[in-house]
Protein backbone atom coordinates (compact mmCIF):
# COMPACT_ATOMS: atom_id res chain seq x y z
CA MET A 1 6.90 11.66 33.26
CA SER A 2 5.36 9.04 31.00
CA ALA A 3 5.25 9.53 27.08
CA PRO A 4 1.49 10.65 25.73
CA THR A 5 -0.45 7.81 24.03
CA PRO A 6 -1.40 8.48 20.51
CA THR A 7 -4.91 8.77 20.14
CA PRO A 8 -5.80 7.18 16.85
CA SER A 9 -7.66 3.84 17.37
CA ILE A 10 -5.18 1.65 14.88
CA THR A 11 -1.85 1.32 16.55
CA PRO A 12 0.63 3.55 15.02
CA VAL A 13 3.63 1.64 13.50
CA VAL A 14 6.82 3.33 13.96
CA LEU A 15 10.31 2.02 12.09
CA LEU A 16 13.15 2.17 13.95
CA ALA A 17 16.53 1.84 12.01
CA SER A 18 19.58 2.11 14.20
CA ARG A 19 22.99 0.00 14.68
CA ASP A 20 23.11 1.01 18.27
CA GLU A 21 21.41 -1.76 20.23
CA VAL A 22 21.38 0.11 23.59
CA PHE A 23 20.11 3.38 22.09
CA ALA A 24 17.35 1.35 20.21
CA ARG A 25 16.22 -0.41 23.16
CA SER A 26 16.25 2.66 25.17
CA LEU A 27 13.79 4.45 22.52
CA GLU A 28 11.48 1.42 22.19
CA SER A 29 11.09 1.13 25.81
CA VAL A 30 9.81 4.63 25.57
CA LEU A 31 7.55 4.50 22.44
CA ALA A 32 6.08 0.76 23.40
CA PRO A 33 4.23 1.76 26.54
CA ALA A 34 3.10 4.82 24.66
CA GLY A 35 1.19 2.83 22.39
CA TYR A 36 3.17 2.61 19.46
CA ALA A 37 4.41 -0.89 17.46
CA VAL A 38 7.90 -0.55 17.03
CA LEU A 39 9.36 -2.34 13.86
CA ARG A 40 13.32 -2.52 14.02
CA ALA A 41 16.09 -2.60 11.69
CA TYR A 42 19.67 -2.83 11.88
CA THR A 43 20.59 -1.77 8.46
CA ALA A 44 19.69 0.79 5.81
CA ARG A 45 18.68 -1.97 3.51
CA SER A 46 16.52 -3.85 5.83
CA ALA A 47 15.09 -0.20 6.57
CA HIS A 48 14.19 0.63 3.17
CA GLU A 49 12.55 -2.75 2.51
CA GLN A 50 10.52 -2.81 5.78
CA ALA A 51 9.28 1.01 5.00
CA ARG A 52 8.19 -0.20 1.71
CA ARG A 53 6.40 -3.11 3.18
CA SER A 54 4.80 -1.89 6.13
CA ARG A 55 4.01 1.53 5.21
CA PRO A 56 4.76 2.98 8.86
CA ASP A 57 3.38 5.89 10.41
CA ALA A 58 6.67 7.30 11.70
CA VAL A 59 10.36 6.39 10.84
CA VAL A 60 13.04 7.19 12.83
CA LEU A 61 16.77 6.73 11.21
CA ALA A 62 20.26 6.94 12.67
CA THR A 63 22.35 9.04 10.74
CA ASP A 64 25.14 6.73 11.18
CA LEU A 65 23.96 3.76 9.33
CA GLU A 66 25.93 2.52 6.47
CA ASP A 67 25.83 1.51 2.63
CA PRO A 68 23.63 4.21 2.60
CA SER A 69 24.06 6.88 5.78
CA GLY A 70 20.81 7.41 7.27
CA LEU A 71 20.66 10.94 5.76
CA GLU A 72 20.90 9.53 2.27
CA LEU A 73 18.30 6.70 3.19
CA CYS A 74 15.87 9.69 4.11
CA ARG A 75 16.43 11.19 0.64
CA GLN A 76 15.91 7.69 -1.00
CA LEU A 77 12.66 7.19 0.89
CA ARG A 78 11.18 10.28 0.07
CA ALA A 79 12.35 10.15 -3.95
CA ASP A 80 10.94 6.79 -4.41
CA ARG A 81 7.93 7.57 -2.32
CA ALA A 82 8.57 4.58 -0.20
CA VAL A 83 6.49 6.23 2.41
CA SER A 84 3.59 9.04 1.96
CA ALA A 85 4.87 12.92 1.61
CA SER A 86 3.32 13.64 5.17
CA THR A 87 5.09 10.42 7.06
CA PRO A 88 7.15 12.10 9.78
CA ILE A 89 10.96 11.25 9.25
CA VAL A 90 13.17 11.74 12.11
CA LEU A 91 16.95 11.53 12.27
CA THR A 92 19.11 10.92 15.25
CA GLU A 93 22.80 11.37 15.76
CA PRO A 94 25.09 10.36 18.64
CA GLY A 95 26.84 13.63 19.12
CA THR A 96 25.63 17.48 19.53
CA SER A 97 24.42 18.42 16.06
CA THR A 98 25.23 21.39 14.11
CA ARG A 99 23.45 24.02 12.18
CA GLN A 100 24.61 22.47 9.07
CA ALA A 101 24.04 19.14 9.72
CA ARG A 102 20.01 20.24 10.84
CA ILE A 103 19.96 22.02 7.46
CA ASP A 104 21.21 19.12 5.67
CA ALA A 105 18.56 16.80 7.22
CA LEU A 106 15.95 19.29 6.19
CA ARG A 107 17.19 19.36 2.84
CA ALA A 108 16.93 15.52 2.65
CA GLY A 109 13.29 15.36 3.56
CA ALA A 110 13.51 14.90 7.41
CA ASP A 111 11.26 16.45 9.69
CA GLN A 112 13.61 16.56 12.80
CA LEU A 113 17.49 16.01 13.72
CA TRP A 114 17.92 15.02 17.34
CA SER A 115 21.20 14.48 18.79
CA GLN A 116 21.74 11.95 22.02
CA PRO A 117 21.26 11.85 24.64
CA MET A 118 17.97 13.21 23.79
CA ASP A 119 14.95 14.65 25.90
CA THR A 120 12.69 11.46 25.27
CA GLU A 121 9.59 13.41 26.71
CA GLU A 122 9.92 16.16 24.04
CA PHE A 123 10.88 13.57 21.38
CA ALA A 124 7.64 11.74 22.37
CA LEU A 125 5.38 14.60 22.16
CA ARG A 126 6.77 15.71 18.89
CA LEU A 127 6.32 12.24 17.28
CA ALA A 128 2.95 12.04 18.72
CA ALA A 129 2.19 15.67 16.72
CA GLY A 130 3.83 14.27 13.40
CA VAL A 131 1.75 11.10 13.74
CA ARG A 132 -1.70 12.66 14.30
CA ALA A 133 -0.68 14.98 11.22
CA LYS A 134 0.18 12.21 8.99
CA ARG A 135 -3.12 10.73 10.01
CA ASP A 136 -5.18 13.44 9.14
CA ALA A 137 -3.54 13.53 5.78
CA ASP A 138 -4.19 9.96 5.45
CA THR A 139 -8.04 10.46 6.11
CA ALA A 140 -8.40 13.42 3.68
CA ARG A 141 -6.64 11.25 0.98
CA ALA A 142 -9.10 8.59 1.52
CA GLY A 143 -11.72 10.83 0.84
CA ALA A 144 -10.43 11.21 -2.58
CA LEU A 145 -10.94 8.95 -5.18
CA VAL A 146 -7.26 8.36 -6.51
CA ASP A 147 -4.80 6.30 -5.13
CA GLU A 148 -1.82 8.64 -4.69
CA ARG A 149 1.10 5.85 -4.87
CA SER A 150 -0.18 4.39 -8.10
CA ALA A 151 -2.32 7.02 -9.69
CA PHE A 152 -5.31 4.38 -10.08
CA TRP A 153 -8.66 4.74 -8.74
CA ASN A 154 -9.05 4.02 -4.79
CA HIS A 155 -11.81 1.82 -3.63
CA ALA A 156 -14.12 4.67 -3.57
CA GLY A 157 -12.87 5.57 -6.72
CA LEU A 158 -13.44 2.11 -8.40
CA LEU A 159 -16.85 1.64 -7.11
CA ARG A 160 -17.94 4.82 -8.47
CA CYS A 161 -16.43 4.52 -12.10
CA ALA A 162 -17.88 0.76 -11.82
CA GLU A 163 -21.49 2.28 -11.05
CA GLU A 164 -20.90 4.75 -14.09
CA THR A 165 -19.93 1.98 -16.30
CA LEU A 166 -22.56 -0.56 -15.47
CA ALA A 167 -25.09 2.43 -15.93
CA GLN A 168 -23.69 2.84 -19.43
CA MET A 169 -23.59 -1.07 -20.14
CA ALA A 170 -27.11 -1.31 -19.11
CA ARG A 171 -28.41 1.15 -21.63
CA ALA A 172 -26.90 -0.74 -24.30
CA ARG A 173 -27.76 -4.19 -22.77
CA ALA A 174 -23.93 -4.99 -23.12
CA PRO A 175 -21.73 -7.32 -20.92
CA LEU A 176 -19.46 -6.46 -18.43
CA THR A 177 -16.61 -8.23 -16.21
CA LEU A 178 -15.22 -7.03 -12.86
CA ALA A 179 -11.86 -8.83 -11.87
CA VAL A 180 -10.01 -8.53 -8.56
CA LEU A 181 -6.37 -9.77 -8.43
CA ASP A 182 -4.78 -10.40 -5.26
CA PRO A 183 -1.64 -12.52 -3.97
CA ILE A 184 -2.69 -16.07 -2.69
CA TRP A 185 -0.33 -15.51 0.44
CA PRO A 186 -1.03 -13.46 3.42
CA ALA A 187 2.93 -11.95 3.37
CA ALA A 188 2.52 -10.91 -0.04
CA ARG A 189 -0.89 -9.38 0.08
CA ALA A 190 0.58 -6.93 2.59
CA ASP A 191 3.78 -6.08 0.14
CA TRP A 192 3.81 -2.53 -1.25
CA ASP A 193 6.68 -3.06 -3.14
CA LEU A 194 5.34 -6.15 -5.01
CA GLY A 195 1.93 -4.05 -5.61
CA ASP A 196 4.06 -1.13 -6.98
CA ARG A 197 5.26 -3.94 -9.34
CA VAL A 198 1.97 -5.20 -10.25
CA ALA A 199 0.52 -1.58 -10.79
CA ASP A 200 3.67 -0.91 -13.17
CA ALA A 201 2.88 -4.23 -15.34
CA LEU A 202 -1.04 -3.50 -15.37
CA ARG A 203 -0.42 -0.08 -16.51
CA ARG A 204 1.21 -1.66 -19.63
CA SER A 205 -1.04 -4.58 -20.23
CA ALA A 206 -4.71 -3.38 -19.17
CA ARG A 207 -6.64 -2.26 -22.30
CA HIS A 208 -7.67 1.45 -22.81
CA ALA A 209 -11.35 0.81 -22.05
CA ASP A 210 -10.68 -0.84 -18.61
CA ALA A 211 -10.51 0.73 -15.43
CA VAL A 212 -7.89 0.05 -12.78
CA GLY A 213 -7.85 0.58 -9.17
CA ARG A 214 -5.79 -0.41 -6.30
CA LEU A 215 -7.63 -1.68 -3.43
CA GLY A 216 -4.98 -2.50 -1.07
CA PRO A 217 -1.03 -2.96 -0.91
CA ALA A 218 -1.08 -5.51 -3.77
CA ARG A 219 -4.88 -5.82 -4.49
CA PHE A 220 -6.35 -4.47 -7.78
CA GLY A 221 -9.76 -4.21 -9.11
CA VAL A 222 -10.32 -4.20 -12.93
CA ILE A 223 -13.56 -3.15 -14.78
CA ALA A 224 -13.81 -4.60 -18.42
CA PRO A 225 -17.07 -3.28 -20.31
CA ARG A 226 -18.29 -5.35 -23.11
CA THR A 227 -16.37 -8.72 -21.56
CA GLY A 228 -19.16 -11.10 -20.91
CA VAL A 229 -19.23 -14.43 -19.18
CA ALA A 230 -18.06 -16.44 -22.27
CA ASN A 231 -14.93 -14.27 -22.62
CA ALA A 232 -14.29 -13.69 -18.97
CA ALA A 233 -11.84 -16.35 -18.48
CA LEU A 234 -9.50 -15.34 -21.54
CA PHE A 235 -9.87 -11.90 -19.91
CA GLY A 236 -8.30 -12.95 -16.48
CA GLU A 237 -5.62 -15.06 -18.12
CA ARG A 238 -4.31 -12.30 -20.27
CA LEU A 239 -4.27 -10.08 -17.13
CA LEU A 240 -2.06 -12.61 -15.23
CA GLU A 241 0.15 -13.37 -17.89
CA GLY A 242 1.09 -9.76 -18.45
CA ILE A 243 1.90 -9.54 -14.72
CA ARG A 244 3.60 -12.63 -14.71
CA ARG A 245 5.83 -11.58 -17.86
CA ASN A 246 7.06 -8.55 -15.86
CA VAL A 247 6.84 -9.44 -12.34
CA THR A 248 8.73 -12.53 -11.47
CA ALA A 249 7.57 -12.45 -7.49
CA ALA A 250 3.89 -12.61 -8.91
CA ALA A 251 4.39 -15.80 -11.03
CA GLU A 252 3.31 -18.39 -8.62
CA SER A 253 1.16 -16.25 -6.15
CA LEU A 254 -1.02 -14.07 -7.61
CA ARG A 255 -4.87 -15.07 -8.21
CA VAL A 256 -7.76 -13.69 -10.43
CA GLY A 257 -11.33 -13.42 -9.44
CA LEU A 258 -14.14 -12.90 -11.74
CA ALA A 259 -17.90 -11.76 -11.68
CA SER A 260 -19.37 -11.31 -15.22
CA LEU A 261 -22.54 -10.48 -16.63
CA ASP A 262 -23.78 -10.69 -20.32
CA ASP A 263 -26.50 -8.00 -19.59
CA ALA A 264 -25.28 -5.27 -17.41
CA ALA A 265 -29.12 -4.20 -17.41
CA ILE A 266 -29.97 -6.81 -14.91
CA ALA A 267 -26.84 -6.31 -12.84
CA PRO A 268 -26.64 -5.98 -9.11
CA PRO A 269 -25.04 -2.78 -7.56
CA ALA A 270 -21.28 -2.21 -8.11
CA ALA A 271 -20.43 -3.00 -4.32
CA GLU A 272 -22.22 -6.24 -4.73
CA LEU A 273 -20.40 -7.21 -7.80
CA LEU A 274 -17.04 -6.43 -6.47
CA ALA A 275 -17.66 -8.56 -3.41
CA ARG A 276 -18.73 -11.40 -5.70
CA ALA A 277 -15.49 -10.96 -7.61
CA THR A 278 -13.37 -10.90 -4.09
CA ALA A 279 -14.82 -14.21 -2.72
CA ALA A 280 -14.44 -15.87 -6.31
CA LEU A 281 -10.65 -15.31 -5.26
CA ASP A 282 -10.89 -17.92 -2.25
CA TYR A 283 -14.42 -19.54 -3.26
CA GLY A 284 -14.83 -19.35 -6.93
CA ASP A 285 -14.95 -22.20 -9.55
CA PRO A 286 -11.56 -22.31 -11.50
CA THR A 287 -12.13 -21.82 -15.23
CA GLY A 288 -10.21 -24.69 -16.62
CA ARG A 289 -7.06 -23.30 -18.48
CA ASP A 290 -5.69 -21.34 -15.25
CA ALA A 291 -6.27 -22.58 -11.88
CA ASP A 292 -5.55 -19.13 -10.41
CA VAL A 293 -7.94 -17.52 -12.62
CA ARG A 294 -11.51 -18.38 -10.50
CA ARG A 295 -15.30 -17.55 -11.44
CA TRP A 296 -18.01 -16.42 -9.11
CA MET A 297 -20.89 -18.56 -9.52
CA PRO A 298 -24.18 -17.98 -8.04
CA PRO A 299 -25.24 -20.57 -5.18
CA ALA A 300 -27.49 -23.16 -6.54
C-alpha cells in the first residue's frame, strides 16, 4: 500500500541522516513518492548544519551516527533550537529497541524511536501526522507578532510597530528611516545560522530607540525614529559596521537598503516604506562612502 501524501501546499522537507546507504535509499523511496523533499546527510555534523540552514519539517536520525551519536545530536538540535519545538524528530536504530532505549530517545527530545526493519506504511502515516501538527504550530506562530527564534518582531509585528512609530513621528513632524538588511547571495539569504549571528550582532549594536524585526532567515528590518535623509547613510554604515565586526561571514555579503523621510507627516503607509527599503537593496543608489548602503530614490 502506498504512503499517504501530505496535504500542505508547500512541499514538506524531511532531513534524513544515516550512514547506512541501503536503509536511507529505502526510506527515501517511500518518502519521495509521498510528496516529501528529502535532504540527505551522512554525518552528524552535516545533519546539524543542514537542520540550521534548511529548517526542515521533520528530521529522521539514525542512532548509530558518530561524533556525536544520533541520540546526542537529537539533544543538541532541541537545545540550540536548530529546529522548532514542534518539528518532529524520529530516531531509527538497526536492531530491536528496548524500553530503556525508547525512554532515552524521548528524554533526548525525540518524538519516536523506530527499529529496523520498520513498517513503512505506519511510519509514513505517523510522520504525516507529525508534519501536519508542526505546520499548524507554524501557522499559529505566524499569526503572532514576535519571531520565536530571535525574539525580534516578525514581519507582521514590524509593520505594526512601523505604523505606530510613523504616527508618533507624524505628530511631531519628525524624520524617520526604515532600513532592510539582507545578504547579497541567495544561499546566504536562506542561511538561518548566519541570520542567528546577525541577530546577535544587531542586538548589541542597535540603538535603544530602534525597533528590529526578522523578516527572513537572514533578512532584518530596522526602524530608526528621528533619523532623516541626511543621517540615514551614516545610520546604515553603523549597522553594517557593528555586524561586520562581530560576524565575519557577513563581511562581504551583507547589504543595507534605506527608505528615509524628513517629515513623517507625509509618509506613505508602513508597508510601502518597507517595500521601498527592500527595493533599495537591489535598485537603490549607493550612498557614496559604502557601496553596500543603498538609498531608495523616487522615480524621476
